[in-house]
Amino acid sequence: MPPDRRPREDSRRDEARRDAALLLDMLLAAEDAQGFVAGMDEAAFLASALHQSAVIRQITIIGEAANRVSRAFQATQPAIAWPDIIGMRHRLVHGYDEVRLDQVWAVVRHHLPALAATLRPLIPPDEPA
C-alpha cells in the first residue's frame, strides 16, 4: 500500500468513529427526552417549565450532534430529516423567545420515537477494549 493512502484511510476511519459517537449522542438524547415526559399528557407538559426545559435541552443536543455528523454520512441516510432536525435546534437556540411548546410536544411524542428507531441500527456495537 502506498504511504500516501494510509492517512486518508485513517481519516475516514476517524470520521466514521466520530459519526458513530454523534449518532449515539442523538439516540441517548432522544431517549432521555422521551423518558422525561413518560406518563405525561400535553397539558401536564405545558404546565411544567422543568419538563419543557429538559426536553428542549435534549432536542438541542440532537440538533447540534446532527449538524456535526459528516455530510457524507448524512447523504447515506436520506430517511433522517437532517435539515429539519438541525433547523429545530437553531429555532430553539436563536428563537428561544418564540418557542412553540405545542411543536416541542409534537416532536418529543411523534418524531423522536421514529428517529430513535432509525438511529439504533446505525450505531455500531462497542469495540472490545
N, C-alpha and C. Protein backbone atom coordinates (compact mmCIF):
# COMPACT_ATOMS: atom_id res chain seq x y z
N MET A 1 0.85 -1.17 0.00
CA MET A 1 0.00 0.00 0.00
C MET A 1 0.90 1.24 0.00
N PRO A 2 0.64 2.16 -0.92
CA PRO A 2 1.44 3.39 -0.95
C PRO A 2 1.26 4.19 0.33
N PRO A 3 2.34 4.82 0.80
CA PRO A 3 2.26 5.55 2.07
C PRO A 3 1.25 6.70 2.03
N ASP A 4 0.99 7.29 0.86
CA ASP A 4 0.07 8.42 0.81
C ASP A 4 -1.40 8.00 0.96
N ARG A 5 -1.71 6.72 0.87
CA ARG A 5 -3.09 6.24 1.02
C ARG A 5 -3.48 6.07 2.48
N ARG A 6 -2.54 5.77 3.34
CA ARG A 6 -2.86 5.47 4.73
C ARG A 6 -3.50 6.64 5.48
N PRO A 7 -2.99 7.86 5.36
CA PRO A 7 -3.62 8.96 6.10
C PRO A 7 -5.10 9.14 5.72
N ARG A 8 -5.44 8.94 4.46
CA ARG A 8 -6.85 9.08 4.06
C ARG A 8 -7.70 7.99 4.69
N GLU A 9 -7.17 6.79 4.74
CA GLU A 9 -7.91 5.68 5.36
C GLU A 9 -8.10 5.96 6.85
N ASP A 10 -7.05 6.44 7.50
CA ASP A 10 -7.15 6.79 8.92
C ASP A 10 -8.18 7.90 9.11
N SER A 11 -8.16 8.85 8.21
CA SER A 11 -9.09 9.97 8.29
C SER A 11 -10.53 9.49 8.14
N ARG A 12 -10.76 8.58 7.20
CA ARG A 12 -12.11 8.02 7.01
C ARG A 12 -12.55 7.23 8.24
N ARG A 13 -11.62 6.47 8.80
CA ARG A 13 -11.93 5.68 9.99
C ARG A 13 -12.26 6.61 11.17
N ASP A 14 -11.47 7.68 11.31
CA ASP A 14 -11.74 8.66 12.37
C ASP A 14 -13.10 9.32 12.17
N GLU A 15 -13.42 9.65 10.93
CA GLU A 15 -14.72 10.26 10.64
C GLU A 15 -15.85 9.29 10.96
N ALA A 16 -15.69 8.03 10.64
CA ALA A 16 -16.72 7.03 10.94
C ALA A 16 -16.91 6.89 12.45
N ARG A 17 -15.83 6.91 13.19
CA ARG A 17 -15.93 6.84 14.66
C ARG A 17 -16.62 8.07 15.23
N ARG A 18 -16.26 9.22 14.68
CA ARG A 18 -16.87 10.48 15.13
C ARG A 18 -18.37 10.46 14.82
N ASP A 19 -18.73 10.03 13.62
CA ASP A 19 -20.14 9.95 13.26
C ASP A 19 -20.89 8.99 14.18
N ALA A 20 -20.29 7.84 14.47
CA ALA A 20 -20.94 6.86 15.35
C ALA A 20 -21.17 7.46 16.74
N ALA A 21 -20.20 8.19 17.24
CA ALA A 21 -20.35 8.83 18.56
C ALA A 21 -21.46 9.88 18.53
N LEU A 22 -21.55 10.62 17.46
CA LEU A 22 -22.59 11.64 17.34
C LEU A 22 -23.97 11.01 17.22
N LEU A 23 -24.06 9.92 16.48
CA LEU A 23 -25.33 9.20 16.38
C LEU A 23 -25.76 8.67 17.74
N LEU A 24 -24.81 8.18 18.51
CA LEU A 24 -25.12 7.72 19.87
C LEU A 24 -25.60 8.88 20.73
N ASP A 25 -24.96 10.03 20.61
CA ASP A 25 -25.41 11.21 21.35
C ASP A 25 -26.86 11.55 20.98
N MET A 26 -27.16 11.49 19.69
CA MET A 26 -28.53 11.77 19.24
C MET A 26 -29.52 10.77 19.84
N LEU A 27 -29.15 9.49 19.79
CA LEU A 27 -30.04 8.46 20.31
C LEU A 27 -30.27 8.63 21.81
N LEU A 28 -29.21 8.83 22.56
CA LEU A 28 -29.34 8.98 24.01
C LEU A 28 -30.18 10.21 24.38
N ALA A 29 -29.99 11.29 23.65
CA ALA A 29 -30.77 12.50 23.91
C ALA A 29 -32.24 12.27 23.58
N ALA A 30 -32.51 11.56 22.49
CA ALA A 30 -33.90 11.26 22.12
C ALA A 30 -34.56 10.39 23.19
N GLU A 31 -33.83 9.39 23.65
CA GLU A 31 -34.37 8.51 24.70
C GLU A 31 -34.58 9.27 26.01
N ASP A 32 -33.64 10.14 26.35
CA ASP A 32 -33.80 10.95 27.57
C ASP A 32 -35.04 11.84 27.47
N ALA A 33 -35.20 12.52 26.34
CA ALA A 33 -36.35 13.42 26.17
C ALA A 33 -37.65 12.66 26.32
N GLN A 34 -37.72 11.49 25.70
CA GLN A 34 -38.94 10.68 25.81
C GLN A 34 -39.16 10.23 27.25
N GLY A 35 -38.09 9.87 27.91
CA GLY A 35 -38.21 9.44 29.31
C GLY A 35 -38.67 10.56 30.22
N PHE A 36 -38.25 11.78 29.93
CA PHE A 36 -38.64 12.92 30.76
C PHE A 36 -40.14 13.15 30.76
N VAL A 37 -40.81 12.78 29.65
CA VAL A 37 -42.25 13.04 29.56
C VAL A 37 -43.08 11.76 29.64
N ALA A 38 -42.45 10.65 29.96
CA ALA A 38 -43.19 9.39 30.08
C ALA A 38 -44.30 9.56 31.11
N GLY A 39 -45.49 9.17 30.74
CA GLY A 39 -46.63 9.25 31.64
C GLY A 39 -47.29 10.62 31.69
N MET A 40 -46.75 11.58 30.96
CA MET A 40 -47.33 12.93 30.96
C MET A 40 -48.25 13.09 29.75
N ASP A 41 -49.25 13.95 29.92
CA ASP A 41 -50.01 14.36 28.75
C ASP A 41 -49.55 15.77 28.37
N GLU A 42 -50.07 16.27 27.27
CA GLU A 42 -49.63 17.58 26.79
C GLU A 42 -49.92 18.68 27.80
N ALA A 43 -51.05 18.63 28.45
CA ALA A 43 -51.40 19.67 29.43
C ALA A 43 -50.39 19.71 30.57
N ALA A 44 -49.99 18.55 31.06
CA ALA A 44 -49.00 18.49 32.14
C ALA A 44 -47.66 19.03 31.65
N PHE A 45 -47.28 18.69 30.43
CA PHE A 45 -46.04 19.20 29.85
C PHE A 45 -46.08 20.73 29.75
N LEU A 46 -47.19 21.25 29.24
CA LEU A 46 -47.32 22.70 29.07
C LEU A 46 -47.32 23.44 30.40
N ALA A 47 -47.67 22.75 31.48
CA ALA A 47 -47.70 23.36 32.81
C ALA A 47 -46.38 23.23 33.55
N SER A 48 -45.42 22.51 32.99
CA SER A 48 -44.17 22.25 33.71
C SER A 48 -42.96 22.84 33.00
N ALA A 49 -42.50 23.96 33.49
CA ALA A 49 -41.30 24.59 32.92
C ALA A 49 -40.09 23.67 33.04
N LEU A 50 -40.04 22.88 34.11
CA LEU A 50 -38.93 21.94 34.30
C LEU A 50 -38.88 20.92 33.16
N HIS A 51 -40.00 20.31 32.85
CA HIS A 51 -40.03 19.31 31.78
C HIS A 51 -39.79 19.95 30.42
N GLN A 52 -40.33 21.13 30.22
CA GLN A 52 -40.11 21.84 28.97
C GLN A 52 -38.61 22.09 28.76
N SER A 53 -37.97 22.60 29.78
CA SER A 53 -36.53 22.90 29.67
C SER A 53 -35.71 21.65 29.43
N ALA A 54 -36.06 20.58 30.13
CA ALA A 54 -35.32 19.33 29.96
C ALA A 54 -35.46 18.79 28.54
N VAL A 55 -36.66 18.80 28.01
CA VAL A 55 -36.89 18.29 26.66
C VAL A 55 -36.23 19.19 25.62
N ILE A 56 -36.37 20.49 25.80
CA ILE A 56 -35.75 21.43 24.84
C ILE A 56 -34.24 21.23 24.83
N ARG A 57 -33.65 21.03 25.97
CA ARG A 57 -32.19 20.79 26.03
C ARG A 57 -31.81 19.55 25.22
N GLN A 58 -32.57 18.49 25.36
CA GLN A 58 -32.25 17.25 24.64
C GLN A 58 -32.45 17.41 23.14
N ILE A 59 -33.49 18.13 22.74
CA ILE A 59 -33.70 18.38 21.31
C ILE A 59 -32.58 19.24 20.75
N THR A 60 -32.09 20.16 21.56
CA THR A 60 -30.95 20.99 21.15
C THR A 60 -29.71 20.12 20.95
N ILE A 61 -29.48 19.19 21.85
CA ILE A 61 -28.34 18.27 21.71
C ILE A 61 -28.48 17.44 20.44
N ILE A 62 -29.67 16.94 20.18
CA ILE A 62 -29.89 16.16 18.96
C ILE A 62 -29.55 16.98 17.74
N GLY A 63 -30.01 18.22 17.70
CA GLY A 63 -29.75 19.08 16.54
C GLY A 63 -28.28 19.43 16.38
N GLU A 64 -27.61 19.69 17.48
CA GLU A 64 -26.18 20.02 17.40
C GLU A 64 -25.38 18.81 16.94
N ALA A 65 -25.69 17.65 17.49
CA ALA A 65 -24.98 16.43 17.07
C ALA A 65 -25.26 16.15 15.59
N ALA A 66 -26.51 16.31 15.17
CA ALA A 66 -26.86 16.09 13.76
C ALA A 66 -26.06 17.01 12.85
N ASN A 67 -25.90 18.24 13.27
CA ASN A 67 -25.14 19.21 12.48
C ASN A 67 -23.67 18.82 12.35
N ARG A 68 -23.15 18.10 13.33
CA ARG A 68 -21.74 17.69 13.31
C ARG A 68 -21.50 16.37 12.57
N VAL A 69 -22.56 15.61 12.32
CA VAL A 69 -22.41 14.36 11.55
C VAL A 69 -21.92 14.75 10.16
N SER A 70 -20.97 13.99 9.64
CA SER A 70 -20.39 14.32 8.34
C SER A 70 -21.46 14.36 7.25
N ARG A 71 -21.28 15.25 6.31
CA ARG A 71 -22.21 15.36 5.18
C ARG A 71 -22.23 14.06 4.39
N ALA A 72 -21.09 13.40 4.32
CA ALA A 72 -21.03 12.12 3.60
C ALA A 72 -21.95 11.10 4.25
N PHE A 73 -21.93 11.01 5.57
CA PHE A 73 -22.81 10.05 6.25
C PHE A 73 -24.26 10.49 6.10
N GLN A 74 -24.53 11.77 6.28
CA GLN A 74 -25.90 12.26 6.13
C GLN A 74 -26.47 11.85 4.77
N ALA A 75 -25.65 11.93 3.74
CA ALA A 75 -26.11 11.58 2.39
C ALA A 75 -26.51 10.12 2.27
N THR A 76 -25.95 9.27 3.13
CA THR A 76 -26.29 7.84 3.08
C THR A 76 -27.59 7.54 3.83
N GLN A 77 -28.13 8.53 4.53
CA GLN A 77 -29.32 8.32 5.36
C GLN A 77 -30.40 9.35 5.04
N PRO A 78 -30.95 9.30 3.82
CA PRO A 78 -31.95 10.31 3.46
C PRO A 78 -33.26 10.19 4.23
N ALA A 79 -33.50 9.07 4.91
CA ALA A 79 -34.72 8.92 5.70
C ALA A 79 -34.69 9.78 6.95
N ILE A 80 -33.50 10.22 7.35
CA ILE A 80 -33.39 11.11 8.52
C ILE A 80 -33.51 12.54 8.01
N ALA A 81 -34.39 13.29 8.62
CA ALA A 81 -34.66 14.68 8.18
C ALA A 81 -33.60 15.62 8.75
N TRP A 82 -32.37 15.48 8.28
CA TRP A 82 -31.24 16.26 8.81
C TRP A 82 -31.53 17.76 8.85
N PRO A 83 -31.98 18.37 7.75
CA PRO A 83 -32.21 19.82 7.79
C PRO A 83 -33.27 20.23 8.81
N ASP A 84 -34.32 19.41 8.95
CA ASP A 84 -35.37 19.72 9.93
C ASP A 84 -34.86 19.61 11.36
N ILE A 85 -34.07 18.58 11.61
CA ILE A 85 -33.52 18.38 12.96
C ILE A 85 -32.58 19.53 13.33
N ILE A 86 -31.71 19.88 12.41
CA ILE A 86 -30.76 20.97 12.64
C ILE A 86 -31.51 22.31 12.75
N GLY A 87 -32.50 22.49 11.89
CA GLY A 87 -33.30 23.71 11.93
C GLY A 87 -34.05 23.88 13.23
N MET A 88 -34.55 22.78 13.78
CA MET A 88 -35.25 22.83 15.07
C MET A 88 -34.30 23.31 16.16
N ARG A 89 -33.08 22.81 16.13
CA ARG A 89 -32.08 23.24 17.10
C ARG A 89 -31.85 24.75 16.99
N HIS A 90 -31.71 25.23 15.76
CA HIS A 90 -31.47 26.66 15.55
C HIS A 90 -32.65 27.49 16.06
N ARG A 91 -33.86 27.02 15.80
CA ARG A 91 -35.04 27.77 16.27
C ARG A 91 -35.10 27.80 17.80
N LEU A 92 -34.76 26.68 18.43
CA LEU A 92 -34.82 26.64 19.90
C LEU A 92 -33.75 27.54 20.53
N VAL A 93 -32.57 27.57 19.92
CA VAL A 93 -31.47 28.35 20.49
C VAL A 93 -31.60 29.83 20.15
N HIS A 94 -31.82 30.13 18.88
CA HIS A 94 -31.81 31.53 18.46
C HIS A 94 -33.17 32.19 18.57
N GLY A 95 -34.22 31.39 18.57
CA GLY A 95 -35.57 31.94 18.71
C GLY A 95 -36.18 31.54 20.03
N TYR A 96 -35.34 31.48 21.05
CA TYR A 96 -35.76 30.99 22.37
C TYR A 96 -37.00 31.71 22.90
N ASP A 97 -37.19 32.93 22.47
CA ASP A 97 -38.33 33.71 22.97
C ASP A 97 -39.61 33.48 22.17
N GLU A 98 -39.51 32.63 21.15
CA GLU A 98 -40.68 32.34 20.30
C GLU A 98 -40.94 30.84 20.18
N VAL A 99 -40.46 30.07 21.13
CA VAL A 99 -40.62 28.61 21.07
C VAL A 99 -42.10 28.26 21.19
N ARG A 100 -42.53 27.41 20.28
CA ARG A 100 -43.91 26.91 20.32
C ARG A 100 -43.90 25.57 21.04
N LEU A 101 -44.37 25.56 22.25
CA LEU A 101 -44.32 24.36 23.08
C LEU A 101 -45.18 23.23 22.52
N ASP A 102 -46.22 23.57 21.77
CA ASP A 102 -47.01 22.51 21.14
C ASP A 102 -46.18 21.78 20.10
N GLN A 103 -45.28 22.48 19.43
CA GLN A 103 -44.39 21.83 18.46
C GLN A 103 -43.33 21.00 19.17
N VAL A 104 -42.83 21.49 20.28
CA VAL A 104 -41.87 20.71 21.06
C VAL A 104 -42.54 19.41 21.53
N TRP A 105 -43.77 19.51 22.00
CA TRP A 105 -44.50 18.33 22.42
C TRP A 105 -44.67 17.35 21.24
N ALA A 106 -45.04 17.86 20.09
CA ALA A 106 -45.21 17.00 18.91
C ALA A 106 -43.91 16.31 18.55
N VAL A 107 -42.81 17.02 18.65
CA VAL A 107 -41.51 16.42 18.35
C VAL A 107 -41.21 15.28 19.32
N VAL A 108 -41.34 15.54 20.61
CA VAL A 108 -40.97 14.52 21.60
C VAL A 108 -41.91 13.31 21.54
N ARG A 109 -43.17 13.54 21.23
CA ARG A 109 -44.13 12.43 21.22
C ARG A 109 -44.20 11.69 19.89
N HIS A 110 -44.02 12.41 18.79
CA HIS A 110 -44.26 11.80 17.48
C HIS A 110 -43.01 11.59 16.64
N HIS A 111 -42.05 12.48 16.74
CA HIS A 111 -40.88 12.40 15.87
C HIS A 111 -39.69 11.69 16.52
N LEU A 112 -39.48 11.90 17.82
CA LEU A 112 -38.32 11.29 18.46
C LEU A 112 -38.40 9.77 18.53
N PRO A 113 -39.55 9.16 18.77
CA PRO A 113 -39.57 7.69 18.75
C PRO A 113 -39.13 7.12 17.40
N ALA A 114 -39.58 7.73 16.33
CA ALA A 114 -39.19 7.26 14.99
C ALA A 114 -37.71 7.51 14.73
N LEU A 115 -37.22 8.66 15.16
CA LEU A 115 -35.80 8.96 14.99
C LEU A 115 -34.95 7.96 15.76
N ALA A 116 -35.32 7.67 17.00
CA ALA A 116 -34.56 6.71 17.80
C ALA A 116 -34.56 5.34 17.13
N ALA A 117 -35.69 4.93 16.60
CA ALA A 117 -35.77 3.63 15.92
C ALA A 117 -34.88 3.59 14.68
N THR A 118 -34.76 4.71 14.00
CA THR A 118 -33.89 4.79 12.82
C THR A 118 -32.42 4.80 13.21
N LEU A 119 -32.10 5.46 14.32
CA LEU A 119 -30.70 5.58 14.74
C LEU A 119 -30.14 4.28 15.31
N ARG A 120 -30.94 3.54 16.05
CA ARG A 120 -30.43 2.35 16.76
C ARG A 120 -29.61 1.42 15.86
N PRO A 121 -30.11 1.02 14.70
CA PRO A 121 -29.31 0.09 13.89
C PRO A 121 -28.08 0.72 13.24
N LEU A 122 -27.99 2.04 13.26
CA LEU A 122 -26.84 2.73 12.64
C LEU A 122 -25.64 2.82 13.56
N ILE A 123 -25.86 2.54 14.83
CA ILE A 123 -24.78 2.68 15.81
C ILE A 123 -24.08 1.33 15.96
N PRO A 124 -22.79 1.30 15.63
CA PRO A 124 -22.08 0.02 15.72
C PRO A 124 -21.93 -0.42 17.18
N PRO A 125 -21.85 -1.73 17.39
CA PRO A 125 -21.65 -2.22 18.76
C PRO A 125 -20.31 -1.75 19.28
N ASP A 126 -20.19 -1.70 20.59
CA ASP A 126 -18.92 -1.31 21.22
C ASP A 126 -17.81 -2.24 20.78
N GLU A 127 -16.66 -1.65 20.55
CA GLU A 127 -15.49 -2.46 20.21
C GLU A 127 -14.86 -2.96 21.51
N PRO A 128 -14.34 -4.19 21.51
CA PRO A 128 -13.67 -4.67 22.72
C PRO A 128 -12.43 -3.83 23.01
N ALA A 129 -12.16 -3.64 24.28
CA ALA A 129 -11.01 -2.82 24.69
C ALA A 129 -9.70 -3.54 24.49
